[in-house]
Amino acid sequence: LVTAGFAQTLARSSGTVNPDQAFVMGLIHDIGKLVLIECDPAAMDEVEKELSQGIHLHEAERRHFGLSHDRAGRRLAERWQLPPELLNIIGDHHDIDPLQPPRRLEPQLGIIVFANALAHATEHDGQAVRLLQKAARHLGVPSARVESLAEQLQLEVADLAERLDLDVGDL
């Protein structure tokens, strides 16, 4: 949900992607996690344990499932015959380094790559600022709007936490 909210906010600020579509793309980008959970809930519990021990998500998923959630999600999206841009979002969102994105990154995929990275960067001091600056440059958000974009993203998290009756730190 945080990635979806961030995607909507980034899309609105950049004007490159429809904000409502960006929200939906953010919701489904990790659908492969649901595939893995459905295949073997106990194995996903083991993945979660390894995450808490500092093991990288993809490494833990591959160890227990033989593939990562982005690859599982791509397989499901292909089976459902989703459009190519959704296949790319679901299957490729971890293949791009948000701090060193390619020059020609498809706008929809770019929105999700940056939104997902920002959603996870809240745990790591300093990285969120660098990611936001990189996202703004890459998505065509004027540098004068970066500070207000950061505030919008913080408001998005606070609003989501309130609607879900959670503390911001629980997201």
C-alpha atoms as a PDB file:
ATOM      1  CA  LEU A   1       0.000   0.000   0.000  1.00  0.00           C
ATOM      2  CA  VAL A   2       2.862   2.381   0.739  1.00  0.00           C
ATOM      3  CA  THR A   3       4.376   1.712  -2.683  1.00  0.00           C
ATOM      4  CA  ALA A   4       0.974   2.286  -4.297  1.00  0.00           C
ATOM      5  CA  GLY A   5       0.511   5.599  -2.489  1.00  0.00           C
ATOM      6  CA  PHE A   6       4.025   6.716  -3.351  1.00  0.00           C
ATOM      7  CA  ALA A   7       3.507   5.684  -6.985  1.00  0.00           C
ATOM      8  CA  GLN A   8       0.346   7.778  -7.170  1.00  0.00           C
ATOM      9  CA  THR A   9       2.110  10.780  -5.635  1.00  0.00           C
ATOM     10  CA  LEU A  10       5.129  10.450  -7.952  1.00  0.00           C
ATOM     11  CA  ALA A  11       2.858  10.083 -10.978  1.00  0.00           C
ATOM     12  CA  ARG A  12       0.864  13.138  -9.987  1.00  0.00           C
ATOM     13  CA  SER A  13       4.057  15.178  -9.513  1.00  0.00           C
ATOM     14  CA  SER A  14       5.724  14.029 -12.712  1.00  0.00           C
ATOM     15  CA  GLY A  15       2.712  14.115 -15.010  1.00  0.00           C
ATOM     16  CA  THR A  16       4.116  11.134 -16.941  1.00  0.00           C
ATOM     17  CA  VAL A  17       1.685   8.445 -15.765  1.00  0.00           C
ATOM     18  CA  ASN A  18      -1.972   8.522 -14.790  1.00  0.00           C
ATOM     19  CA  PRO A  19      -1.957   8.676 -10.949  1.00  0.00           C
ATOM     20  CA  ASP A  20      -4.825   6.199 -10.569  1.00  0.00           C
ATOM     21  CA  GLN A  21      -3.094   3.710 -12.868  1.00  0.00           C
ATOM     22  CA  ALA A  22       0.130   4.223 -10.915  1.00  0.00           C
ATOM     23  CA  PHE A  23      -1.714   3.397  -7.691  1.00  0.00           C
ATOM     24  CA  VAL A  24      -3.041   0.125  -9.142  1.00  0.00           C
ATOM     25  CA  MET A  25       0.396  -0.741 -10.546  1.00  0.00           C
ATOM     26  CA  GLY A  26       1.844  -0.159  -7.085  1.00  0.00           C
ATOM     27  CA  LEU A  27      -0.744  -2.477  -5.581  1.00  0.00           C
ATOM     28  CA  ILE A  28       0.008  -5.349  -7.942  1.00  0.00           C
ATOM     29  CA  HIS A  29       3.780  -4.985  -8.396  1.00  0.00           C
ATOM     30  CA  ASP A  30       4.467  -7.568  -5.661  1.00  0.00           C
ATOM     31  CA  ILE A  31       1.706 -10.019  -6.601  1.00  0.00           C
ATOM     32  CA  GLY A  32       4.387 -12.691  -6.786  1.00  0.00           C
ATOM     33  CA  LYS A  33       4.592 -12.617  -2.991  1.00  0.00           C
ATOM     34  CA  LEU A  34       0.987 -13.819  -2.898  1.00  0.00           C
ATOM     35  CA  VAL A  35       1.882 -16.593  -5.328  1.00  0.00           C
ATOM     36  CA  LEU A  36       4.683 -17.762  -3.053  1.00  0.00           C
ATOM     37  CA  ILE A  37       2.526 -17.554   0.072  1.00  0.00           C
ATOM     38  CA  GLU A  38      -0.197 -19.594  -1.612  1.00  0.00           C
ATOM     39  CA  CYS A  39       2.314 -22.199  -2.802  1.00  0.00           C
ATOM     40  CA  ASP A  40       3.857 -22.769   0.610  1.00  0.00           C
ATOM     41  CA  PRO A  41       2.921 -20.601   3.599  1.00  0.00           C
ATOM     42  CA  ALA A  42       5.432 -22.370   5.865  1.00  0.00           C
ATOM     43  CA  ALA A  43       8.261 -21.626   3.431  1.00  0.00           C
ATOM     44  CA  MET A  44       7.236 -17.962   3.397  1.00  0.00           C
ATOM     45  CA  ASP A  45       7.407 -17.994   7.195  1.00  0.00           C
ATOM     46  CA  GLU A  46      10.993 -19.210   6.839  1.00  0.00           C
ATOM     47  CA  VAL A  47      11.703 -16.395   4.358  1.00  0.00           C
ATOM     48  CA  GLU A  48      10.379 -13.895   6.913  1.00  0.00           C
ATOM     49  CA  LYS A  49      12.624 -15.375   9.603  1.00  0.00           C
ATOM     50  CA  GLU A  50      15.649 -15.043   7.337  1.00  0.00           C
ATOM     51  CA  LEU A  51      14.738 -11.437   6.557  1.00  0.00           C
ATOM     52  CA  SER A  52      14.784 -10.664  10.264  1.00  0.00           C
ATOM     53  CA  GLN A  53      18.295 -12.170  10.354  1.00  0.00           C
ATOM     54  CA  GLY A  54      19.498  -9.826   7.613  1.00  0.00           C
ATOM     55  CA  ILE A  55      19.268 -12.191   4.636  1.00  0.00           C
ATOM     56  CA  HIS A  56      18.258 -10.413   1.407  1.00  0.00           C
ATOM     57  CA  LEU A  57      14.660 -11.068   0.318  1.00  0.00           C
ATOM     58  CA  HIS A  58      15.493 -12.522  -3.087  1.00  0.00           C
ATOM     59  CA  GLU A  59      18.142 -14.813  -1.663  1.00  0.00           C
ATOM     60  CA  ALA A  60      15.738 -16.177   0.948  1.00  0.00           C
ATOM     61  CA  GLU A  61      12.940 -16.595  -1.593  1.00  0.00           C
ATOM     62  CA  ARG A  62      15.204 -18.445  -4.029  1.00  0.00           C
ATOM     63  CA  ARG A  63      16.456 -20.675  -1.245  1.00  0.00           C
ATOM     64  CA  HIS A  64      12.944 -21.736  -0.235  1.00  0.00           C
ATOM     65  CA  PHE A  65      11.023 -21.503  -3.511  1.00  0.00           C
ATOM     66  CA  GLY A  66      13.625 -21.743  -6.265  1.00  0.00           C
ATOM     67  CA  LEU A  67      12.669 -18.291  -7.579  1.00  0.00           C
ATOM     68  CA  SER A  68      11.997 -14.795  -6.294  1.00  0.00           C
ATOM     69  CA  HIS A  69       8.614 -13.099  -5.982  1.00  0.00           C
ATOM     70  CA  ASP A  70       9.177 -10.877  -9.016  1.00  0.00           C
ATOM     71  CA  ARG A  71       9.767 -13.932 -11.225  1.00  0.00           C
ATOM     72  CA  ALA A  72       6.778 -15.773  -9.722  1.00  0.00           C
ATOM     73  CA  GLY A  73       4.662 -12.682 -10.316  1.00  0.00           C
ATOM     74  CA  ARG A  74       5.786 -12.427 -13.943  1.00  0.00           C
ATOM     75  CA  ARG A  75       4.764 -16.053 -14.512  1.00  0.00           C
ATOM     76  CA  LEU A  76       1.310 -15.348 -13.094  1.00  0.00           C
ATOM     77  CA  ALA A  77       0.975 -12.164 -15.154  1.00  0.00           C
ATOM     78  CA  GLU A  78       1.933 -14.080 -18.295  1.00  0.00           C
ATOM     79  CA  ARG A  79      -0.608 -16.788 -17.496  1.00  0.00           C
ATOM     80  CA  TRP A  80      -3.263 -14.104 -17.026  1.00  0.00           C
ATOM     81  CA  GLN A  81      -2.104 -12.483 -20.299  1.00  0.00           C
ATOM     82  CA  LEU A  82      -1.672  -9.079 -18.696  1.00  0.00           C
ATOM     83  CA  PRO A  83      -0.338  -6.262 -20.919  1.00  0.00           C
ATOM     84  CA  PRO A  84       3.446  -6.132 -21.469  1.00  0.00           C
ATOM     85  CA  GLU A  85       3.901  -2.989 -19.354  1.00  0.00           C
ATOM     86  CA  LEU A  86       2.377  -4.808 -16.346  1.00  0.00           C
ATOM     87  CA  LEU A  87       4.560  -7.848 -17.013  1.00  0.00           C
ATOM     88  CA  ASN A  88       7.571  -5.534 -16.881  1.00  0.00           C
ATOM     89  CA  ILE A  89       6.433  -3.787 -13.712  1.00  0.00           C
ATOM     90  CA  ILE A  90       5.756  -7.054 -11.916  1.00  0.00           C
ATOM     91  CA  GLY A  91       8.784  -8.902 -13.254  1.00  0.00           C
ATOM     92  CA  ASP A  92      11.440  -6.203 -13.542  1.00  0.00           C
ATOM     93  CA  HIS A  93      10.911  -3.793 -10.647  1.00  0.00           C
ATOM     94  CA  HIS A  94      13.903  -5.229  -8.750  1.00  0.00           C
ATOM     95  CA  ASP A  95      16.187  -5.424 -11.796  1.00  0.00           C
ATOM     96  CA  ILE A  96      16.772  -1.670 -11.895  1.00  0.00           C
ATOM     97  CA  ASP A  97      18.985   0.169  -9.427  1.00  0.00           C
ATOM     98  CA  PRO A  98      16.959   3.273  -8.525  1.00  0.00           C
ATOM     99  CA  LEU A  99      20.169   5.162  -7.748  1.00  0.00           C
ATOM    100  CA  GLN A 100      21.554   4.342 -11.217  1.00  0.00           C
ATOM    101  CA  PRO A 101      18.549   3.895 -13.514  1.00  0.00           C
ATOM    102  CA  PRO A 102      19.013   3.572 -17.262  1.00  0.00           C
ATOM    103  CA  ARG A 103      18.460   6.770 -19.214  1.00  0.00           C
ATOM    104  CA  ARG A 104      15.564   5.320 -21.129  1.00  0.00           C
ATOM    105  CA  LEU A 105      13.416   3.829 -18.415  1.00  0.00           C
ATOM    106  CA  GLU A 106       9.762   3.336 -19.325  1.00  0.00           C
ATOM    107  CA  PRO A 107       7.788   5.876 -17.238  1.00  0.00           C
ATOM    108  CA  GLN A 108       5.402   3.361 -15.656  1.00  0.00           C
ATOM    109  CA  LEU A 109       8.231   1.049 -14.613  1.00  0.00           C
ATOM    110  CA  GLY A 110      10.245   4.038 -13.400  1.00  0.00           C
ATOM    111  CA  ILE A 111       7.409   5.216 -11.171  1.00  0.00           C
ATOM    112  CA  ILE A 112       7.164   1.760  -9.554  1.00  0.00           C
ATOM    113  CA  VAL A 113      10.932   1.316  -9.203  1.00  0.00           C
ATOM    114  CA  PHE A 114      11.249   4.641  -7.397  1.00  0.00           C
ATOM    115  CA  ALA A 115       8.046   4.265  -5.354  1.00  0.00           C
ATOM    116  CA  ASN A 116       9.075   0.803  -4.182  1.00  0.00           C
ATOM    117  CA  ALA A 117      12.600   1.943  -3.328  1.00  0.00           C
ATOM    118  CA  LEU A 118      11.262   4.946  -1.421  1.00  0.00           C
ATOM    119  CA  ALA A 119       8.766   2.778   0.451  1.00  0.00           C
ATOM    120  CA  HIS A 120      11.618   0.573   1.655  1.00  0.00           C
ATOM    121  CA  ALA A 121      14.084   3.426   2.205  1.00  0.00           C
ATOM    122  CA  THR A 122      12.127   4.836   5.133  1.00  0.00           C
ATOM    123  CA  GLU A 123      14.060   2.382   7.297  1.00  0.00           C
ATOM    124  CA  HIS A 124      17.462   3.614   6.111  1.00  0.00           C
ATOM    125  CA  ASP A 125      18.529   7.138   7.048  1.00  0.00           C
ATOM    126  CA  GLY A 126      19.871   9.290   4.246  1.00  0.00           C
ATOM    127  CA  GLN A 127      18.988   6.956   1.417  1.00  0.00           C
ATOM    128  CA  ALA A 128      15.428   8.272   1.097  1.00  0.00           C
ATOM    129  CA  VAL A 129      16.667  11.784   0.312  1.00  0.00           C
ATOM    130  CA  ARG A 130      19.054  10.527  -2.386  1.00  0.00           C
ATOM    131  CA  LEU A 131      16.339   8.330  -3.872  1.00  0.00           C
ATOM    132  CA  LEU A 132      13.836  11.160  -3.937  1.00  0.00           C
ATOM    133  CA  GLN A 133      16.304  13.481  -5.655  1.00  0.00           C
ATOM    134  CA  LYS A 134      17.142  10.807  -8.233  1.00  0.00           C
ATOM    135  CA  ALA A 135      13.450  10.031  -8.794  1.00  0.00           C
ATOM    136  CA  ALA A 136      12.624  13.711  -9.263  1.00  0.00           C
ATOM    137  CA  ARG A 137      15.394  14.182 -11.821  1.00  0.00           C
ATOM    138  CA  HIS A 138      14.545  11.005 -13.691  1.00  0.00           C
ATOM    139  CA  LEU A 139      10.778  11.595 -13.686  1.00  0.00           C
ATOM    140  CA  GLY A 140      11.024  15.251 -14.663  1.00  0.00           C
ATOM    141  CA  VAL A 141       9.885  16.749 -11.367  1.00  0.00           C
ATOM    142  CA  PRO A 142      11.388  20.251 -11.059  1.00  0.00           C
ATOM    143  CA  SER A 143      14.033  20.463  -8.341  1.00  0.00           C
ATOM    144  CA  ALA A 144      12.082  23.295  -6.714  1.00  0.00           C
ATOM    145  CA  ARG A 145       9.263  20.807  -6.037  1.00  0.00           C
ATOM    146  CA  VAL A 146      11.374  18.082  -4.392  1.00  0.00           C
ATOM    147  CA  GLU A 147      10.835  19.400  -0.873  1.00  0.00           C
ATOM    148  CA  SER A 148       7.060  19.589  -1.327  1.00  0.00           C
ATOM    149  CA  LEU A 149       7.144  16.117  -2.894  1.00  0.00           C
ATOM    150  CA  ALA A 150       8.913  14.796   0.203  1.00  0.00           C
ATOM    151  CA  GLU A 151       6.206  16.355   2.366  1.00  0.00           C
ATOM    152  CA  GLN A 152       3.489  14.802   0.180  1.00  0.00           C
ATOM    153  CA  LEU A 153       5.083  11.372   0.577  1.00  0.00           C
ATOM    154  CA  GLN A 154       5.206  11.782   4.373  1.00  0.00           C
ATOM    155  CA  LEU A 155       1.547  12.823   4.384  1.00  0.00           C
ATOM    156  CA  GLU A 156       0.719   9.782   2.250  1.00  0.00           C
ATOM    157  CA  VAL A 157       2.240   7.452   4.847  1.00  0.00           C
ATOM    158  CA  ALA A 158       0.529   9.249   7.740  1.00  0.00           C
ATOM    159  CA  ASP A 159      -2.835   9.111   5.962  1.00  0.00           C
ATOM    160  CA  LEU A 160      -2.445   5.432   5.156  1.00  0.00           C
ATOM    161  CA  ALA A 161      -1.469   4.615   8.733  1.00  0.00           C
ATOM    162  CA  GLU A 162      -4.491   6.494  10.041  1.00  0.00           C
ATOM    163  CA  ARG A 163      -6.889   4.740   7.651  1.00  0.00           C
ATOM    164  CA  LEU A 164      -5.479   1.349   8.648  1.00  0.00           C
ATOM    165  CA  ASP A 165      -5.392   2.264  12.342  1.00  0.00           C
ATOM    166  CA  LEU A 166      -1.633   1.619  12.515  1.00  0.00           C
ATOM    167  CA  ASP A 167       1.355   3.548  13.730  1.00  0.00           C
ATOM    168  CA  VAL A 168       3.425   5.059  10.928  1.00  0.00           C
ATOM    169  CA  GLY A 169       6.347   2.842  11.971  1.00  0.00           C
ATOM    170  CA  ASP A 170       4.220  -0.268  11.396  1.00  0.00           C
ATOM    171  CA  LEU A 171       3.964   0.429   7.691  1.00  0.00           C
END
